[in-house]
Amino acid sequence: MLRLQGSKVLAVDLAGDAVKAKNGSMVAYDGRMTFKRLSGGGEGLRGMVTRRITGERMAVMEVRGDGTCWFADRAAEINLIELRGDRLCVESSNLLAADAGLRTGTTFTGLRGASQGNGLFTTTVEGHGQAAITSDGPAVVLRVSPQYPLMVDPGAYIAHQGDVRQSFQSGVTFRTLFGEGGGEAFQIRFEGDGLVYVQPSERNTIAGDL
């Protein structure tokens, strides 16, 4: 069972079961636990090879036993997401922990513009259970509906779930609109029916200003 202890610490109660978590994120535990490092962070050889090609790094550990573990990541805010057979797509650096029964992998999210020809990948979490994601500041959950597509700055994007299509759109971003930044700029366009999680802070990404 995943639960929040404050806004920046995740407590996981285990009773012979397991949880997958970002390597190095455990801050304390009680009871009897065993630890196993998982290669690649995805499912099987395909996930490992995909991550090697894209250069994405996601070191994951499995914690199993009886007791309670506490996790945190650089005092970031933690958000719990309940999955009911659907898929969560999340930036690998923002995935803190997930029930061990959830499947994790990698998916291709689109091209970063025809002139660049580079693909972007994101981490997927699927199945029934809970996942914990982090954000720089309290995350905001935005609804995407068929009538109202959503445009998001790549630096603020954390994750999305539901029947949502994601594409990259070159042109004006929020920063270049007001004369900040330079080079080729991108927005992420979401269409369909689902939720998008954004943070009130912008990281530097290859999908932003180039």
Protein backbone atom coordinates (compact mmCIF):
# COMPACT_ATOMS: atom_id res chain seq x y z
CA MET A 1 0.00 0.00 0.00
CA LEU A 2 1.36 3.41 -1.04
CA ARG A 3 0.47 6.41 1.12
CA LEU A 4 1.77 9.94 1.58
CA GLN A 5 3.42 10.99 4.82
CA GLY A 6 3.39 14.71 4.32
CA SER A 7 3.73 15.97 0.75
CA LYS A 8 7.36 14.95 0.19
CA VAL A 9 7.68 11.48 1.69
CA LEU A 10 6.09 8.26 0.39
CA ALA A 11 5.38 5.45 2.86
CA VAL A 12 4.90 1.92 1.49
CA ASP A 13 3.48 -0.80 3.73
CA LEU A 14 4.54 -4.30 2.68
CA ALA A 15 3.19 -7.64 3.86
CA GLY A 16 5.26 -10.14 1.92
CA ASP A 17 4.71 -8.24 -1.34
CA ALA A 18 6.97 -5.83 -3.24
CA VAL A 19 7.30 -2.34 -4.63
CA LYS A 20 9.46 -0.97 -7.46
CA ALA A 21 11.17 2.36 -6.74
CA LYS A 22 13.79 4.70 -8.12
CA ASN A 23 17.22 3.48 -7.10
CA GLY A 24 18.59 5.45 -4.16
CA SER A 25 15.24 6.97 -3.17
CA MET A 26 14.74 5.02 0.07
CA VAL A 27 15.32 7.14 3.16
CA ALA A 28 14.32 4.62 5.89
CA TYR A 29 12.65 1.27 6.51
CA ASP A 30 11.61 -0.98 9.35
CA GLY A 31 10.88 -4.71 9.48
CA ARG A 32 12.58 -7.31 7.29
CA MET A 33 13.34 -6.31 3.68
CA THR A 34 15.27 -7.65 0.71
CA PHE A 35 16.55 -5.45 -2.10
CA LYS A 36 17.14 -6.25 -5.76
CA ARG A 37 18.39 -3.95 -8.50
CA LEU A 38 16.36 -4.24 -11.70
CA SER A 39 18.18 -3.73 -15.00
CA GLY A 40 16.87 -1.10 -17.42
CA GLY A 41 13.63 -0.27 -15.63
CA GLY A 42 11.54 -1.73 -18.46
CA GLU A 43 10.14 -5.17 -19.16
CA GLY A 44 12.69 -7.61 -20.52
CA LEU A 45 15.35 -7.18 -23.18
CA ARG A 46 13.28 -4.84 -25.37
CA GLY A 47 12.98 -2.27 -22.61
CA MET A 48 16.68 -2.46 -21.84
CA VAL A 49 17.72 -2.07 -25.48
CA THR A 50 15.30 0.82 -26.08
CA ARG A 51 16.65 2.71 -23.09
CA ARG A 52 20.23 2.12 -24.23
CA ILE A 53 19.47 3.47 -27.71
CA THR A 54 17.67 6.56 -26.44
CA GLY A 55 20.18 7.24 -23.68
CA GLU A 56 17.38 7.30 -21.09
CA ARG A 57 18.57 6.23 -17.66
CA MET A 58 16.12 4.71 -15.18
CA ALA A 59 17.75 2.75 -12.37
CA VAL A 60 15.06 0.79 -10.51
CA MET A 61 15.14 -1.39 -7.40
CA GLU A 62 12.63 -3.90 -6.06
CA VAL A 63 11.97 -3.92 -2.32
CA ARG A 64 10.21 -6.97 -0.87
CA GLY A 65 9.38 -7.98 2.70
CA ASP A 66 7.31 -7.19 5.77
CA GLY A 67 7.31 -3.69 7.23
CA THR A 68 7.29 -0.11 6.02
CA CYS A 69 9.65 1.70 3.62
CA TRP A 70 9.90 5.44 3.20
CA PHE A 71 10.95 7.07 -0.07
CA ALA A 72 11.77 10.64 -1.14
CA ASP A 73 13.55 12.38 -4.00
CA ARG A 74 15.36 15.68 -3.35
CA ALA A 75 12.40 17.07 -1.36
CA ALA A 76 10.17 16.99 -4.47
CA GLU A 77 6.39 16.93 -4.10
CA ILE A 78 4.91 13.43 -4.43
CA ASN A 79 1.62 12.65 -6.17
CA LEU A 80 -0.23 9.32 -5.94
CA ILE A 81 -2.01 7.99 -9.04
CA GLU A 82 -4.46 5.07 -9.05
CA LEU A 83 -4.38 2.89 -12.17
CA ARG A 84 -7.40 0.74 -13.00
CA GLY A 85 -6.18 -1.19 -15.99
CA ASP A 86 -5.13 1.94 -17.87
CA ARG A 87 -1.72 3.32 -18.84
CA LEU A 88 0.30 6.13 -17.31
CA CYS A 89 3.03 7.78 -19.40
CA VAL A 90 5.56 9.59 -17.23
CA GLU A 91 8.97 11.19 -17.59
CA SER A 92 11.44 8.63 -16.21
CA SER A 93 12.99 11.16 -13.81
CA ASN A 94 9.54 11.81 -12.28
CA LEU A 95 8.60 8.18 -11.54
CA LEU A 96 9.35 7.52 -7.87
CA ALA A 97 7.64 4.19 -7.15
CA ALA A 98 5.00 1.75 -8.38
CA ASP A 99 3.31 -1.40 -7.14
CA ALA A 100 5.41 -4.38 -8.25
CA GLY A 101 2.43 -5.83 -10.13
CA LEU A 102 2.33 -2.87 -12.51
CA ARG A 103 4.11 -3.34 -15.84
CA THR A 104 6.75 -0.77 -16.76
CA GLY A 105 8.23 -0.14 -20.18
CA THR A 106 9.10 2.46 -22.78
CA THR A 107 7.03 3.98 -25.58
CA PHE A 108 7.82 6.21 -28.55
CA THR A 109 6.01 9.56 -28.27
CA GLY A 110 6.74 11.18 -31.62
CA LEU A 111 9.29 13.11 -33.60
CA ARG A 112 10.95 16.26 -32.39
CA GLY A 113 10.34 18.04 -35.69
CA ALA A 114 11.03 16.94 -39.25
CA SER A 115 14.23 18.98 -39.41
CA GLN A 116 15.70 17.12 -36.43
CA GLY A 117 14.30 13.63 -37.02
CA ASN A 118 14.98 12.54 -33.44
CA GLY A 119 12.48 10.41 -31.53
CA LEU A 120 11.40 10.99 -27.97
CA PHE A 121 10.56 8.18 -25.56
CA THR A 122 8.76 8.09 -22.24
CA THR A 123 8.25 5.54 -19.46
CA THR A 124 4.95 3.66 -19.28
CA VAL A 125 3.22 2.13 -16.26
CA GLU A 126 0.23 -0.17 -16.87
CA GLY A 127 -2.17 -2.38 -14.92
CA HIS A 128 -4.03 -2.21 -11.63
CA GLY A 129 -2.36 -0.51 -8.68
CA GLN A 130 -0.75 2.69 -7.48
CA ALA A 131 2.14 4.74 -8.81
CA ALA A 132 3.91 7.71 -7.22
CA ILE A 133 5.29 10.53 -9.36
CA THR A 134 7.28 13.57 -8.30
CA SER A 135 6.99 17.21 -9.28
CA ASP A 136 8.92 20.40 -8.67
CA GLY A 137 6.20 22.09 -6.65
CA PRO A 138 2.58 20.89 -6.30
CA ALA A 139 1.44 19.17 -9.51
CA VAL A 140 -1.56 20.49 -11.40
CA VAL A 141 -3.91 18.00 -13.07
CA LEU A 142 -5.43 19.27 -16.33
CA ARG A 143 -8.29 17.66 -18.24
CA VAL A 144 -8.05 16.95 -21.96
CA SER A 145 -11.39 16.54 -23.78
CA PRO A 146 -12.26 15.99 -27.44
CA GLN A 147 -13.56 19.56 -27.65
CA TYR A 148 -10.55 21.17 -25.95
CA PRO A 149 -7.02 20.07 -26.92
CA LEU A 150 -4.32 21.05 -24.46
CA MET A 151 -0.96 22.70 -25.21
CA VAL A 152 1.83 22.17 -22.66
CA ASP A 153 5.35 23.53 -22.37
CA PRO A 154 7.75 20.53 -22.50
CA GLY A 155 9.61 21.76 -19.43
CA ALA A 156 6.46 21.69 -17.30
CA TYR A 157 5.15 18.29 -18.48
CA ILE A 158 5.31 15.36 -16.03
CA ALA A 159 2.86 12.67 -17.11
CA HIS A 160 -0.46 11.84 -18.75
CA GLN A 161 -3.03 9.06 -18.64
CA GLY A 162 -6.22 8.07 -20.42
CA ASP A 163 -7.12 7.94 -24.10
CA VAL A 164 -4.77 10.78 -25.02
CA ARG A 165 -2.78 11.34 -28.20
CA GLN A 166 0.46 13.28 -27.86
CA SER A 167 2.27 15.18 -30.61
CA PHE A 168 4.99 17.81 -30.87
CA GLN A 169 4.21 21.10 -32.53
CA SER A 170 6.98 23.45 -33.62
CA GLY A 171 6.58 27.20 -33.61
CA VAL A 172 5.97 29.48 -30.66
CA THR A 173 6.32 28.32 -27.07
CA PHE A 174 5.30 30.25 -23.99
CA ARG A 175 8.86 31.49 -23.48
CA THR A 176 9.56 32.59 -27.05
CA LEU A 177 6.13 34.27 -27.19
CA PHE A 178 7.45 36.83 -24.71
CA GLY A 179 10.92 37.13 -26.19
CA GLU A 180 12.69 34.63 -23.91
CA GLY A 181 14.81 31.79 -25.22
CA GLY A 182 15.83 31.20 -28.79
CA GLY A 183 16.24 28.64 -31.51
CA GLU A 184 13.63 26.15 -32.69
CA ALA A 185 10.80 25.88 -30.16
CA PHE A 186 8.18 23.23 -29.42
CA GLN A 187 4.93 22.65 -27.58
CA ILE A 188 3.36 19.33 -26.66
CA ARG A 189 -0.19 19.01 -27.99
CA PHE A 190 -2.59 16.60 -26.26
CA GLU A 191 -5.85 15.48 -27.84
CA GLY A 192 -8.47 12.96 -26.74
CA ASP A 193 -9.93 12.26 -23.31
CA GLY A 194 -7.71 12.03 -20.25
CA LEU A 195 -5.51 13.83 -17.74
CA VAL A 196 -2.19 15.65 -18.04
CA TYR A 197 0.04 16.37 -15.03
CA VAL A 198 2.19 19.51 -15.10
CA GLN A 199 4.52 21.12 -12.57
CA PRO A 200 4.83 24.82 -11.70
CA SER A 201 8.49 24.80 -12.74
CA GLU A 202 10.30 24.29 -16.02
CA ARG A 203 13.16 21.86 -16.51
CA ASN A 204 15.53 22.09 -19.46
CA THR A 205 14.49 19.56 -22.12
CA ILE A 206 15.58 18.73 -25.64
CA ALA A 207 11.96 19.28 -26.71
CA GLY A 208 11.99 22.90 -25.57
CA ASP A 209 14.08 25.68 -27.10
CA LEU A 210 16.95 24.30 -29.15
